[in-house]
């Protein structure tokens, strides 16, 4: 499916279910909304304190549907072993 070789039918079925749901573009900080709510100065200070100030200037960025769907379809979380596994670009 879409050039991806899945390790199991379960992964393929999960991929198909996810793909049918659709995907929205990546979200970004809406500076105008923050200003309208009078919280922009506080948010800006908080972002600067944690070193994330450059993220305030990011606008819409591409969404990598195929890669995201492959990641989600193959994601496995093992809480006992405290590990996660997934595939990206077939690896």
C-alpha atoms as a PDB file:
ATOM      1  CA  UNK A   1       0.000   0.000   0.000  1.00  0.00           C
ATOM      2  CA  UNK A   2       1.459   3.389  -1.036  1.00  0.00           C
ATOM      3  CA  UNK A   3       4.857   1.752  -1.532  1.00  0.00           C
ATOM      4  CA  UNK A   4       5.124   0.644   2.097  1.00  0.00           C
ATOM      5  CA  UNK A   5       5.855  -2.974   2.995  1.00  0.00           C
ATOM      6  CA  UNK A   6       4.187  -3.668   6.313  1.00  0.00           C
ATOM      7  CA  UNK A   7       5.414  -6.385   8.661  1.00  0.00           C
ATOM      8  CA  UNK A   8       1.875  -7.636   9.298  1.00  0.00           C
ATOM      9  CA  UNK A   9      -1.701  -7.428   8.100  1.00  0.00           C
ATOM     10  CA  UNK A  10      -2.541  -5.690  11.373  1.00  0.00           C
ATOM     11  CA  UNK A  11      -0.182  -2.820  10.490  1.00  0.00           C
ATOM     12  CA  UNK A  12      -1.644  -2.589   6.988  1.00  0.00           C
ATOM     13  CA  UNK A  13      -5.208  -2.537   8.330  1.00  0.00           C
ATOM     14  CA  UNK A  14      -4.278   0.116  10.881  1.00  0.00           C
ATOM     15  CA  UNK A  15      -2.685   2.212   8.108  1.00  0.00           C
ATOM     16  CA  UNK A  16      -5.828   1.958   5.968  1.00  0.00           C
ATOM     17  CA  UNK A  17      -8.096   2.951   8.891  1.00  0.00           C
ATOM     18  CA  UNK A  18      -5.887   5.949   9.672  1.00  0.00           C
ATOM     19  CA  UNK A  19      -5.680   7.011   6.037  1.00  0.00           C
ATOM     20  CA  UNK A  20      -9.468   6.992   5.700  1.00  0.00           C
ATOM     21  CA  UNK A  21      -9.746   9.433   8.619  1.00  0.00           C
ATOM     22  CA  UNK A  22      -7.789  12.113   6.740  1.00  0.00           C
ATOM     23  CA  UNK A  23      -5.180  14.450   8.108  1.00  0.00           C
ATOM     24  CA  UNK A  24      -5.132  18.167   8.851  1.00  0.00           C
ATOM     25  CA  UNK A  25      -2.125  20.426   8.255  1.00  0.00           C
ATOM     26  CA  UNK A  26       0.368  20.983  11.050  1.00  0.00           C
ATOM     27  CA  UNK A  27      -0.788  23.502  13.621  1.00  0.00           C
ATOM     28  CA  UNK A  28       1.112  26.672  14.443  1.00  0.00           C
ATOM     29  CA  UNK A  29       0.940  29.495  16.951  1.00  0.00           C
ATOM     30  CA  UNK A  30      -1.679  32.086  15.987  1.00  0.00           C
ATOM     31  CA  UNK A  31      -0.075  35.359  17.084  1.00  0.00           C
ATOM     32  CA  UNK A  32      -3.198  37.381  16.194  1.00  0.00           C
ATOM     33  CA  UNK A  33      -5.334  35.194  18.456  1.00  0.00           C
ATOM     34  CA  UNK A  34      -2.828  35.532  21.310  1.00  0.00           C
ATOM     35  CA  UNK A  35      -2.885  39.310  20.888  1.00  0.00           C
ATOM     36  CA  UNK A  36      -6.699  39.385  20.770  1.00  0.00           C
ATOM     37  CA  UNK A  37      -6.737  37.463  24.047  1.00  0.00           C
ATOM     38  CA  UNK A  38      -4.114  39.841  25.528  1.00  0.00           C
ATOM     39  CA  UNK A  39      -1.798  36.946  26.381  1.00  0.00           C
ATOM     40  CA  UNK A  40       0.872  37.342  23.701  1.00  0.00           C
ATOM     41  CA  UNK A  41       3.436  39.100  25.962  1.00  0.00           C
ATOM     42  CA  UNK A  42       3.136  36.361  28.593  1.00  0.00           C
ATOM     43  CA  UNK A  43       3.333  33.549  26.045  1.00  0.00           C
ATOM     44  CA  UNK A  44       6.341  35.209  24.399  1.00  0.00           C
ATOM     45  CA  UNK A  45       8.173  35.410  27.736  1.00  0.00           C
ATOM     46  CA  UNK A  46       7.370  31.779  28.544  1.00  0.00           C
ATOM     47  CA  UNK A  47       8.576  30.603  25.132  1.00  0.00           C
ATOM     48  CA  UNK A  48      11.781  32.633  25.515  1.00  0.00           C
ATOM     49  CA  UNK A  49      12.426  31.176  28.977  1.00  0.00           C
ATOM     50  CA  UNK A  50      12.332  27.619  27.657  1.00  0.00           C
ATOM     51  CA  UNK A  51      14.220  28.409  24.446  1.00  0.00           C
ATOM     52  CA  UNK A  52      11.225  27.994  22.150  1.00  0.00           C
ATOM     53  CA  UNK A  53      10.922  31.600  20.968  1.00  0.00           C
ATOM     54  CA  UNK A  54      11.743  30.667  17.359  1.00  0.00           C
ATOM     55  CA  UNK A  55       8.555  28.556  17.277  1.00  0.00           C
ATOM     56  CA  UNK A  56       6.440  31.681  17.651  1.00  0.00           C
ATOM     57  CA  UNK A  57       7.367  32.663  14.085  1.00  0.00           C
ATOM     58  CA  UNK A  58       6.540  29.349  12.415  1.00  0.00           C
ATOM     59  CA  UNK A  59       3.650  29.498   9.995  1.00  0.00           C
ATOM     60  CA  UNK A  60       1.939  26.581   8.288  1.00  0.00           C
ATOM     61  CA  UNK A  61       4.446  23.874   7.413  1.00  0.00           C
ATOM     62  CA  UNK A  62       4.043  20.824   5.181  1.00  0.00           C
ATOM     63  CA  UNK A  63       2.264  17.762   6.488  1.00  0.00           C
ATOM     64  CA  UNK A  64       3.938  14.482   5.608  1.00  0.00           C
ATOM     65  CA  UNK A  65       0.861  12.268   5.382  1.00  0.00           C
ATOM     66  CA  UNK A  66       2.535   9.056   4.195  1.00  0.00           C
ATOM     67  CA  UNK A  67       5.347   9.236   6.765  1.00  0.00           C
ATOM     68  CA  UNK A  68       2.980  10.127   9.608  1.00  0.00           C
ATOM     69  CA  UNK A  69       0.584   7.309   8.708  1.00  0.00           C
ATOM     70  CA  UNK A  70       3.444   4.798   8.472  1.00  0.00           C
ATOM     71  CA  UNK A  71       4.724   5.900  11.881  1.00  0.00           C
ATOM     72  CA  UNK A  72       1.298   5.646  13.530  1.00  0.00           C
ATOM     73  CA  UNK A  73       0.425   2.329  11.859  1.00  0.00           C
ATOM     74  CA  UNK A  74       3.642   0.687  13.080  1.00  0.00           C
ATOM     75  CA  UNK A  75       3.981   2.323  16.509  1.00  0.00           C
ATOM     76  CA  UNK A  76       4.252  -0.152  19.394  1.00  0.00           C
ATOM     77  CA  UNK A  77       4.630   0.899  23.015  1.00  0.00           C
ATOM     78  CA  UNK A  78       5.915  -1.598  25.573  1.00  0.00           C
ATOM     79  CA  UNK A  79       5.349  -0.096  29.011  1.00  0.00           C
ATOM     80  CA  UNK A  80       7.030  -3.010  30.804  1.00  0.00           C
ATOM     81  CA  UNK A  81      10.251  -2.721  28.833  1.00  0.00           C
ATOM     82  CA  UNK A  82       9.877   1.069  28.599  1.00  0.00           C
ATOM     83  CA  UNK A  83      10.460   0.974  24.847  1.00  0.00           C
ATOM     84  CA  UNK A  84       8.747   2.116  21.682  1.00  0.00           C
ATOM     85  CA  UNK A  85       9.264   0.815  18.183  1.00  0.00           C
ATOM     86  CA  UNK A  86       8.078   2.169  14.863  1.00  0.00           C
ATOM     87  CA  UNK A  87       8.999   2.303  11.209  1.00  0.00           C
ATOM     88  CA  UNK A  88       9.754   5.312   9.050  1.00  0.00           C
ATOM     89  CA  UNK A  89      10.547   5.090   5.348  1.00  0.00           C
ATOM     90  CA  UNK A  90      10.388   1.297   5.641  1.00  0.00           C
ATOM     91  CA  UNK A  91      13.153   1.073   8.220  1.00  0.00           C
END
